[in-house]
PDB file of N, CA and C in Angstrom:
ATOM      1  N   GLY A   1      25.840-174.201 -40.403  1.00  0.00           N
ATOM      2  CA  GLY A   1      25.822-173.009 -41.216  1.00  0.00           C
ATOM      3  C   GLY A   1      25.443-171.763 -40.461  1.00  0.00           C
ATOM      4  N   VAL A   2      25.796-170.634 -41.043  1.00  0.00           N
ATOM      5  CA  VAL A   2      25.477-169.360 -40.479  1.00  0.00           C
ATOM      6  C   VAL A   2      24.372-168.701 -41.275  1.00  0.00           C
ATOM      7  N   PRO A   3      23.271-168.244 -40.722  1.00  0.00           N
ATOM      8  CA  PRO A   3      22.204-167.614 -41.497  1.00  0.00           C
ATOM      9  C   PRO A   3      22.713-166.366 -42.193  1.00  0.00           C
ATOM     10  N   PRO A   4      22.148-166.055 -43.403  1.00  0.00           N
ATOM     11  CA  PRO A   4      22.668-165.013 -44.222  1.00  0.00           C
ATOM     12  C   PRO A   4      22.836-163.633 -43.649  1.00  0.00           C
ATOM     13  N   PRO A   5      21.976-163.101 -42.781  1.00  0.00           N
ATOM     14  CA  PRO A   5      22.323-161.759 -42.269  1.00  0.00           C
ATOM     15  C   PRO A   5      23.554-161.728 -41.365  1.00  0.00           C
ATOM     16  N   TYR A   6      23.846-162.860 -40.736  1.00  0.00           N
ATOM     17  CA  TYR A   6      24.896-162.942 -39.663  1.00  0.00           C
ATOM     18  C   TYR A   6      26.166-163.552 -40.218  1.00  0.00           C
ATOM     19  N   ASP A   7      26.209-164.036 -41.439  1.00  0.00           N
ATOM     20  CA  ASP A   7      27.422-164.695 -41.919  1.00  0.00           C
ATOM     21  C   ASP A   7      28.490-163.647 -42.283  1.00  0.00           C
ATOM     22  N   ARG A   8      28.123-162.402 -42.423  1.00  0.00           N
ATOM     23  CA  ARG A   8      29.112-161.359 -42.692  1.00  0.00           C
ATOM     24  C   ARG A   8      29.482-160.568 -41.478  1.00  0.00           C
ATOM     25  N   MET A   9      29.014-160.902 -40.353  1.00  0.00           N
ATOM     26  CA  MET A   9      29.324-160.188 -39.136  1.00  0.00           C
ATOM     27  C   MET A   9      30.523-160.792 -38.420  1.00  0.00           C
ATOM     28  N   LYS A  10      31.225-160.038 -37.588  1.00  0.00           N
ATOM     29  CA  LYS A  10      32.292-160.486 -36.889  1.00  0.00           C
ATOM     30  C   LYS A  10      31.828-161.543 -35.866  1.00  0.00           C
ATOM     31  N   ARG A  11      32.561-162.663 -35.738  1.00  0.00           N
ATOM     32  CA  ARG A  11      32.171-163.668 -34.744  1.00  0.00           C
ATOM     33  C   ARG A  11      32.557-163.236 -33.371  1.00  0.00           C
ATOM     34  N   MET A  12      31.662-163.564 -32.429  1.00  0.00           N
ATOM     35  CA  MET A  12      31.942-163.215 -31.045  1.00  0.00           C
ATOM     36  C   MET A  12      32.124-164.575 -30.195  1.00  0.00           C
ATOM     37  N   VAL A  13      32.887-164.432 -29.176  1.00  0.00           N
ATOM     38  CA  VAL A  13      33.128-165.619 -28.331  1.00  0.00           C
ATOM     39  C   VAL A  13      32.551-165.381 -26.988  1.00  0.00           C
ATOM     40  N   VAL A  14      31.844-166.367 -26.474  1.00  0.00           N
ATOM     41  CA  VAL A  14      31.314-166.275 -25.093  1.00  0.00           C
ATOM     42  C   VAL A  14      32.090-167.274 -24.272  1.00  0.00           C
ATOM     43  N   PRO A  15      33.065-166.874 -23.494  1.00  0.00           N
ATOM     44  CA  PRO A  15      33.961-167.738 -22.719  1.00  0.00           C
ATOM     45  C   PRO A  15      33.164-168.696 -21.804  1.00  0.00           C
ATOM     46  N   SER A  16      32.029-168.213 -21.255  1.00  0.00           N
ATOM     47  CA  SER A  16      31.303-169.101 -20.307  1.00  0.00           C
ATOM     48  C   SER A  16      30.514-170.216 -21.048  1.00  0.00           C
ATOM     49  N   ALA A  17      30.494-170.125 -22.343  1.00  0.00           N
ATOM     50  CA  ALA A  17      29.757-171.172 -23.111  1.00  0.00           C
ATOM     51  C   ALA A  17      30.761-172.081 -23.895  1.00  0.00           C
ATOM     52  N   LEU A  18      32.019-171.951 -23.746  1.00  0.00           N
ATOM     53  CA  LEU A  18      32.955-172.724 -24.548  1.00  0.00           C
ATOM     54  C   LEU A  18      32.938-174.207 -24.034  1.00  0.00           C
ATOM     55  N   ARG A  19      32.849-175.101 -24.979  1.00  0.00           N
ATOM     56  CA  ARG A  19      32.750-176.565 -24.553  1.00  0.00           C
ATOM     57  C   ARG A  19      34.064-176.964 -23.875  1.00  0.00           C
ATOM     58  N   VAL A  20      35.172-176.436 -24.288  1.00  0.00           N
ATOM     59  CA  VAL A  20      36.491-176.816 -23.694  1.00  0.00           C
ATOM     60  C   VAL A  20      36.569-176.383 -22.199  1.00  0.00           C
ATOM     61  N   LEU A  21      35.827-175.310 -21.841  1.00  0.00           N
ATOM     62  CA  LEU A  21      35.806-174.924 -20.491  1.00  0.00           C
ATOM     63  C   LEU A  21      34.734-175.559 -19.622  1.00  0.00           C
ATOM     64  N   LYS A  22      33.616-175.954 -20.270  1.00  0.00           N
ATOM     65  CA  LYS A  22      32.505-176.431 -19.533  1.00  0.00           C
ATOM     66  C   LYS A  22      32.507-177.930 -19.328  1.00  0.00           C
ATOM     67  N   LEU A  23      32.986-178.693 -20.245  1.00  0.00           N
ATOM     68  CA  LEU A  23      32.946-180.106 -20.127  1.00  0.00           C
ATOM     69  C   LEU A  23      34.252-180.702 -19.617  1.00  0.00           C
ATOM     70  N   LYS A  24      34.175-181.732 -18.857  1.00  0.00           N
ATOM     71  CA  LYS A  24      35.352-182.394 -18.269  1.00  0.00           C
ATOM     72  C   LYS A  24      36.031-183.103 -19.352  1.00  0.00           C
ATOM     73  N   PRO A  25      37.378-183.322 -19.291  1.00  0.00           N
ATOM     74  CA  PRO A  25      38.101-184.058 -20.268  1.00  0.00           C
ATOM     75  C   PRO A  25      37.580-185.452 -20.369  1.00  0.00           C
ATOM     76  N   GLY A  26      37.426-185.970 -21.568  1.00  0.00           N
ATOM     77  CA  GLY A  26      36.940-187.296 -21.780  1.00  0.00           C
ATOM     78  C   GLY A  26      35.418-187.399 -21.868  1.00  0.00           C
ATOM     79  N   ARG A  27      34.731-186.321 -21.596  1.00  0.00           N
ATOM     80  CA  ARG A  27      33.246-186.349 -21.581  1.00  0.00           C
ATOM     81  C   ARG A  27      32.716-186.376 -23.018  1.00  0.00           C
ATOM     82  N   LYS A  28      31.645-187.165 -23.212  1.00  0.00           N
ATOM     83  CA  LYS A  28      31.066-187.240 -24.552  1.00  0.00           C
ATOM     84  C   LYS A  28      30.275-186.002 -24.841  1.00  0.00           C
ATOM     85  N   TYR A  29      30.210-185.610 -26.174  1.00  0.00           N
ATOM     86  CA  TYR A  29      29.441-184.431 -26.509  1.00  0.00           C
ATOM     87  C   TYR A  29      28.946-184.707 -27.945  1.00  0.00           C
ATOM     88  N   CYS A  30      28.028-183.927 -28.405  1.00  0.00           N
ATOM     89  CA  CYS A  30      27.520-184.013 -29.770  1.00  0.00           C
ATOM     90  C   CYS A  30      27.317-182.614 -30.295  1.00  0.00           C
ATOM     91  N   THR A  31      27.100-182.571 -31.626  1.00  0.00           N
ATOM     92  CA  THR A  31      26.842-181.312 -32.294  1.00  0.00           C
ATOM     93  C   THR A  31      25.434-181.426 -32.939  1.00  0.00           C
ATOM     94  N   ILE A  32      24.794-180.249 -33.088  1.00  0.00           N
ATOM     95  CA  ILE A  32      23.464-180.246 -33.645  1.00  0.00           C
ATOM     96  C   ILE A  32      23.503-180.743 -35.067  1.00  0.00           C
ATOM     97  N   LYS A  33      24.570-180.525 -35.728  1.00  0.00           N
ATOM     98  CA  LYS A  33      24.699-181.003 -37.145  1.00  0.00           C
ATOM     99  C   LYS A  33      24.554-182.524 -37.219  1.00  0.00           C
ATOM    100  N   ARG A  34      25.296-183.197 -36.336  1.00  0.00           N
ATOM    101  CA  ARG A  34      25.302-184.653 -36.335  1.00  0.00           C
ATOM    102  C   ARG A  34      23.972-185.204 -35.918  1.00  0.00           C
ATOM    103  N   VAL A  35      23.387-184.673 -34.826  1.00  0.00           N
ATOM    104  CA  VAL A  35      22.143-185.138 -34.310  1.00  0.00           C
ATOM    105  C   VAL A  35      20.982-184.940 -35.343  1.00  0.00           C
ATOM    106  N   SER A  36      20.968-183.763 -35.951  1.00  0.00           N
ATOM    107  CA  SER A  36      19.843-183.481 -36.962  1.00  0.00           C
ATOM    108  C   SER A  36      19.958-184.472 -38.108  1.00  0.00           C
ATOM    109  N   HIS A  37      21.219-184.720 -38.534  1.00  0.00           N
ATOM    110  CA  HIS A  37      21.422-185.649 -39.631  1.00  0.00           C
ATOM    111  C   HIS A  37      20.994-187.057 -39.297  1.00  0.00           C
ATOM    112  N   GLU A  38      21.256-187.490 -38.043  1.00  0.00           N
ATOM    113  CA  GLU A  38      20.865-188.812 -37.605  1.00  0.00           C
ATOM    114  C   GLU A  38      19.302-188.992 -37.522  1.00  0.00           C
ATOM    115  N   VAL A  39      18.624-187.932 -37.243  1.00  0.00           N
ATOM    116  CA  VAL A  39      17.175-188.003 -37.092  1.00  0.00           C
ATOM    117  C   VAL A  39      16.419-187.759 -38.426  1.00  0.00           C
ATOM    118  N   GLY A  40      17.177-187.601 -39.512  1.00  0.00           N
ATOM    119  CA  GLY A  40      16.570-187.480 -40.788  1.00  0.00           C
ATOM    120  C   GLY A  40      16.649-186.183 -41.537  1.00  0.00           C
ATOM    121  N   TRP A  41      17.339-185.186 -41.043  1.00  0.00           N
ATOM    122  CA  TRP A  41      17.498-183.897 -41.722  1.00  0.00           C
ATOM    123  C   TRP A  41      18.317-184.132 -42.917  1.00  0.00           C
ATOM    124  N   LYS A  42      17.817-183.788 -44.123  1.00  0.00           N
ATOM    125  CA  LYS A  42      18.433-184.165 -45.399  1.00  0.00           C
ATOM    126  C   LYS A  42      19.276-183.099 -46.069  1.00  0.00           C
ATOM    127  N   TYR A  43      19.495-182.021 -45.359  1.00  0.00           N
ATOM    128  CA  TYR A  43      20.207-180.872 -46.031  1.00  0.00           C
ATOM    129  C   TYR A  43      21.661-180.733 -45.442  1.00  0.00           C
ATOM    130  N   ASN A  44      22.214-181.769 -44.990  1.00  0.00           N
ATOM    131  CA  ASN A  44      23.574-181.765 -44.487  1.00  0.00           C
ATOM    132  C   ASN A  44      24.540-181.404 -45.454  1.00  0.00           C
ATOM    133  N   ASP A  45      24.439-181.987 -46.692  1.00  0.00           N
ATOM    134  CA  ASP A  45      25.294-181.715 -47.810  1.00  0.00           C
ATOM    135  C   ASP A  45      25.227-180.274 -48.301  1.00  0.00           C
ATOM    136  N   VAL A  46      24.004-179.757 -48.351  1.00  0.00           N
ATOM    137  CA  VAL A  46      23.776-178.380 -48.821  1.00  0.00           C
ATOM    138  C   VAL A  46      24.459-177.392 -47.831  1.00  0.00           C
ATOM    139  N   VAL A  47      24.268-177.639 -46.557  1.00  0.00           N
ATOM    140  CA  VAL A  47      24.900-176.684 -45.578  1.00  0.00           C
ATOM    141  C   VAL A  47      26.416-176.851 -45.616  1.00  0.00           C
ATOM    142  N   ALA A  48      26.966-178.010 -45.825  1.00  0.00           N
ATOM    143  CA  ALA A  48      28.372-178.164 -45.978  1.00  0.00           C
ATOM    144  C   ALA A  48      28.933-177.419 -47.162  1.00  0.00           C
ATOM    145  N   ASN A  49      28.177-177.507 -48.254  1.00  0.00           N
ATOM    146  CA  ASN A  49      28.612-176.777 -49.465  1.00  0.00           C
ATOM    147  C   ASN A  49      28.624-175.268 -49.266  1.00  0.00           C
ATOM    148  N   LEU A  50      27.527-174.739 -48.641  1.00  0.00           N
ATOM    149  CA  LEU A  50      27.398-173.332 -48.341  1.00  0.00           C
ATOM    150  C   LEU A  50      28.502-172.867 -47.385  1.00  0.00           C
ATOM    151  N   GLU A  51      28.767-173.722 -46.458  1.00  0.00           N
ATOM    152  CA  GLU A  51      29.818-173.383 -45.455  1.00  0.00           C
ATOM    153  C   GLU A  51      31.218-173.309 -46.105  1.00  0.00           C
ATOM    154  N   GLU A  52      31.443-174.177 -47.015  1.00  0.00           N
ATOM    155  CA  GLU A  52      32.733-174.076 -47.726  1.00  0.00           C
ATOM    156  C   GLU A  52      32.847-172.807 -48.528  1.00  0.00           C
ATOM    157  N   LYS A  53      31.750-172.415 -49.221  1.00  0.00           N
ATOM    158  CA  LYS A  53      31.743-171.195 -49.882  1.00  0.00           C
ATOM    159  C   LYS A  53      32.015-169.973 -48.994  1.00  0.00           C
ATOM    160  N   ARG A  54      31.325-170.039 -47.853  1.00  0.00           N
ATOM    161  CA  ARG A  54      31.475-168.881 -46.900  1.00  0.00           C
ATOM    162  C   ARG A  54      32.876-168.861 -46.379  1.00  0.00           C
ATOM    163  N   LYS A  55      33.573-170.018 -46.136  1.00  0.00           N
ATOM    164  CA  LYS A  55      34.948-170.001 -45.708  1.00  0.00           C
ATOM    165  C   LYS A  55      35.851-169.417 -46.756  1.00  0.00           C
ATOM    166  N   VAL A  56      35.637-169.687 -48.006  1.00  0.00           N
ATOM    167  CA  VAL A  56      36.453-169.134 -49.069  1.00  0.00           C
ATOM    168  C   VAL A  56      36.280-167.609 -49.110  1.00  0.00           C
ATOM    169  N   LYS A  57      35.121-167.123 -49.020  1.00  0.00           N
ATOM    170  CA  LYS A  57      34.913-165.666 -48.998  1.00  0.00           C
ATOM    171  C   LYS A  57      35.536-165.031 -47.780  1.00  0.00           C
ATOM    172  N   SER A  58      35.391-165.684 -46.636  1.00  0.00           N
ATOM    173  CA  SER A  58      35.883-165.213 -45.412  1.00  0.00           C
ATOM    174  C   SER A  58      37.430-165.076 -45.460  1.00  0.00           C
ATOM    175  N   LYS A  59      38.041-166.134 -46.021  1.00  0.00           N
ATOM    176  CA  LYS A  59      39.516-166.101 -46.142  1.00  0.00           C
ATOM    177  C   LYS A  59      40.016-164.974 -47.079  1.00  0.00           C
ATOM    178  N   ALA A  60      39.196-164.750 -48.177  1.00  0.00           N
ATOM    179  CA  ALA A  60      39.664-163.659 -49.107  1.00  0.00           C
ATOM    180  C   ALA A  60      39.464-162.316 -48.381  1.00  0.00           C
ATOM    181  N   PHE A  61      38.414-162.146 -47.620  1.00  0.00           N
ATOM    182  CA  PHE A  61      38.203-160.888 -46.905  1.00  0.00           C
ATOM    183  C   PHE A  61      39.293-160.667 -45.898  1.00  0.00           C
ATOM    184  N   TYR A  62      39.674-161.747 -45.169  1.00  0.00           N
ATOM    185  CA  TYR A  62      40.761-161.561 -44.200  1.00  0.00           C
ATOM    186  C   TYR A  62      42.092-161.274 -44.798  1.00  0.00           C
ATOM    187  N   GLU A  63      42.460-161.900 -45.919  1.00  0.00           N
ATOM    188  CA  GLU A  63      43.659-161.615 -46.622  1.00  0.00           C
ATOM    189  C   GLU A  63      43.688-160.102 -47.068  1.00  0.00           C
ATOM    190  N   ARG A  64      42.583-159.677 -47.565  1.00  0.00           N
ATOM    191  CA  ARG A  64      42.528-158.290 -48.021  1.00  0.00           C
ATOM    192  C   ARG A  64      42.586-157.313 -46.865  1.00  0.00           C
ATOM    193  N   LYS A  65      42.064-157.653 -45.715  1.00  0.00           N
ATOM    194  CA  LYS A  65      42.094-156.899 -44.531  1.00  0.00           C
ATOM    195  C   LYS A  65      43.499-156.790 -43.956  1.00  0.00           C
ATOM    196  N   LYS A  66      44.256-157.886 -44.058  1.00  0.00           N
ATOM    197  CA  LYS A  66      45.615-157.933 -43.579  1.00  0.00           C
ATOM    198  C   LYS A  66      46.522-157.072 -44.518  1.00  0.00           C
ATOM    199  N   ALA A  67      46.239-157.135 -45.813  1.00  0.00           N
ATOM    200  CA  ALA A  67      47.033-156.327 -46.755  1.00  0.00           C
ATOM    201  C   ALA A  67      46.825-154.874 -46.532  1.00  0.00           C
ATOM    202  N   ILE A  68      45.569-154.434 -46.302  1.00  0.00           N
ATOM    203  CA  ILE A  68      45.265-153.037 -46.026  1.00  0.00           C
ATOM    204  C   ILE A  68      45.911-152.582 -44.721  1.00  0.00           C
ATOM    205  N   ALA A  69      45.875-153.439 -43.735  1.00  0.00           N
ATOM    206  CA  ALA A  69      46.501-153.077 -42.419  1.00  0.00           C
ATOM    207  C   ALA A  69      48.033-152.920 -42.647  1.00  0.00           C
ATOM    208  N   ASN A  70      48.692-153.765 -43.400  1.00  0.00           N
ATOM    209  CA  ASN A  70      50.112-153.626 -43.710  1.00  0.00           C
ATOM    210  C   ASN A  70      50.423-152.317 -44.409  1.00  0.00           C
ATOM    211  N   VAL A  71      49.587-151.988 -45.396  1.00  0.00           N
ATOM    212  CA  VAL A  71      49.806-150.737 -46.136  1.00  0.00           C
ATOM    213  C   VAL A  71      49.688-149.507 -45.196  1.00  0.00           C
ATOM    214  N   ARG A  72      48.647-149.587 -44.340  1.00  0.00           N
ATOM    215  CA  ARG A  72      48.456-148.488 -43.380  1.00  0.00           C
ATOM    216  C   ARG A  72      49.630-148.365 -42.445  1.00  0.00           C
ATOM    217  N   ALA A  73      50.085-149.487 -41.969  1.00  0.00           N
ATOM    218  CA  ALA A  73      51.229-149.503 -40.986  1.00  0.00           C
ATOM    219  C   ALA A  73      52.460-148.953 -41.677  1.00  0.00           C
ATOM    220  N   LYS A  74      52.778-149.284 -42.875  1.00  0.00           N
ATOM    221  CA  LYS A  74      53.888-148.794 -43.634  1.00  0.00           C
ATOM    222  C   LYS A  74      53.750-147.243 -43.818  1.00  0.00           C
ATOM    223  N   ALA A  75      52.571-146.811 -44.198  1.00  0.00           N
ATOM    224  CA  ALA A  75      52.335-145.412 -44.431  1.00  0.00           C
ATOM    225  C   ALA A  75      52.475-144.648 -43.171  1.00  0.00           C
ATOM    226  N   ALA A  76      52.011-145.188 -42.050  1.00  0.00           N
ATOM    227  CA  ALA A  76      52.104-144.496 -40.768  1.00  0.00           C
ATOM    228  C   ALA A  76      53.572-144.413 -40.285  1.00  0.00           C
ATOM    229  N   SER A  77      54.291-145.465 -40.544  1.00  0.00           N
ATOM    230  CA  SER A  77      55.692-145.491 -40.097  1.00  0.00           C
ATOM    231  C   SER A  77      56.613-144.530 -40.936  1.00  0.00           C
ATOM    232  N   LYS A  78      56.284-144.252 -42.201  1.00  0.00           N
ATOM    233  CA  LYS A  78      57.001-143.410 -43.062  1.00  0.00           C
ATOM    234  C   LYS A  78      56.676-141.931 -42.885  1.00  0.00           C
ATOM    235  N   SER A  79      55.560-141.682 -42.192  1.00  0.00           N
ATOM    236  CA  SER A  79      55.082-140.306 -42.065  1.00  0.00           C
ATOM    237  C   SER A  79      56.024-139.539 -41.153  1.00  0.00           C
ATOM    238  N   SER A  80      56.642-138.476 -41.589  1.00  0.00           N
ATOM    239  CA  SER A  80      57.526-137.657 -40.772  1.00  0.00           C
ATOM    240  C   SER A  80      56.833-136.767 -39.863  1.00  0.00           C
ATOM    241  N   GLU A  81      55.557-136.318 -40.278  1.00  0.00           N
ATOM    242  CA  GLU A  81      54.767-135.409 -39.540  1.00  0.00           C
ATOM    243  C   GLU A  81      54.335-136.016 -38.153  1.00  0.00           C
ATOM    244  N   LEU A  82      54.085-137.319 -38.174  1.00  0.00           N
ATOM    245  CA  LEU A  82      53.532-137.933 -37.006  1.00  0.00           C
ATOM    246  C   LEU A  82      54.721-138.634 -36.178  1.00  0.00           C
ATOM    247  N   ALA A  83      55.940-138.403 -36.538  1.00  0.00           N
ATOM    248  CA  ALA A  83      57.001-139.092 -35.851  1.00  0.00           C
ATOM    249  C   ALA A  83      57.083-138.727 -34.351  1.00  0.00           C
ATOM    250  N   THR A  84      56.937-137.375 -34.033  1.00  0.00           N
ATOM    251  CA  THR A  84      56.995-136.974 -32.603  1.00  0.00           C
ATOM    252  C   THR A  84      55.795-137.543 -31.849  1.00  0.00           C
ATOM    253  N   VAL A  85      54.651-137.545 -32.473  1.00  0.00           N
ATOM    254  CA  VAL A  85      53.456-138.065 -31.789  1.00  0.00           C
ATOM    255  C   VAL A  85      53.649-139.584 -31.583  1.00  0.00           C
ATOM    256  N   GLN A  86      54.114-140.276 -32.565  1.00  0.00           N
ATOM    257  CA  GLN A  86      54.281-141.668 -32.437  1.00  0.00           C
ATOM    258  C   GLN A  86      55.259-142.018 -31.336  1.00  0.00           C
ATOM    259  N   GLU A  87      56.319-141.289 -31.173  1.00  0.00           N
ATOM    260  CA  GLU A  87      57.247-141.491 -30.087  1.00  0.00           C
ATOM    261  C   GLU A  87      56.581-141.347 -28.751  1.00  0.00           C
ATOM    262  N   LYS A  88      55.760-140.324 -28.600  1.00  0.00           N
ATOM    263  CA  LYS A  88      55.087-140.111 -27.319  1.00  0.00           C
ATOM    264  C   LYS A  88      54.083-141.295 -27.008  1.00  0.00           C
ATOM    265  N   ILE A  89      53.386-141.702 -28.069  1.00  0.00           N
ATOM    266  CA  ILE A  89      52.475-142.838 -27.875  1.00  0.00           C
ATOM    267  C   ILE A  89      53.231-144.090 -27.550  1.00  0.00           C
ATOM    268  N   ALA A  90      54.370-144.343 -28.182  1.00  0.00           N
ATOM    269  CA  ALA A  90      55.155-145.483 -27.902  1.00  0.00           C
ATOM    270  C   ALA A  90      55.725-145.505 -26.463  1.00  0.00           C
ATOM    271  N   ALA A  91      56.088-144.304 -25.986  1.00  0.00           N
ATOM    272  CA  ALA A  91      56.541-144.163 -24.638  1.00  0.00           C
ATOM    273  C   ALA A  91      55.493-144.616 -23.609  1.00  0.00           C
ATOM    274  N   LEU A  92      54.228-144.395 -24.007  1.00  0.00           N
ATOM    275  CA  LEU A  92      53.117-144.692 -23.091  1.00  0.00           C
ATOM    276  C   LEU A  92      52.754-146.235 -23.202  1.00  0.00           C
ATOM    277  N   GLY A  93      53.378-146.926 -24.116  1.00  0.00           N
ATOM    278  CA  GLY A  93      53.121-148.382 -24.251  1.00  0.00           C
ATOM    279  C   GLY A  93      52.078-148.791 -25.222  1.00  0.00           C
ATOM    280  N   TYR A  94      51.740-147.928 -26.130  1.00  0.00           N
ATOM    281  CA  TYR A  94      50.763-148.281 -27.181  1.00  0.00           C
ATOM    282  C   TYR A  94      51.390-148.451 -28.503  1.00  0.00           C
TER     283      TYR A  94
END
């Protein structure tokens, strides 16, 4: 699970810490979730439930974000005032 103040922040990726890049193919690995459950941590189900709720909220946020981006893109493409500026920007590759 992700602690409350950080569950609403954008996720960051650290390439030097990715398991797929650091471990050789076929190498065994474990997760803290599994190890803690095996040694007696009893809140595995609670964390799973909270994580499902977080994923639902995150999906709704992402869908709304995509919809807003589409509306902005349509509005920007229809704007006649910005047409000349957009052509210059497109010529530069942006």
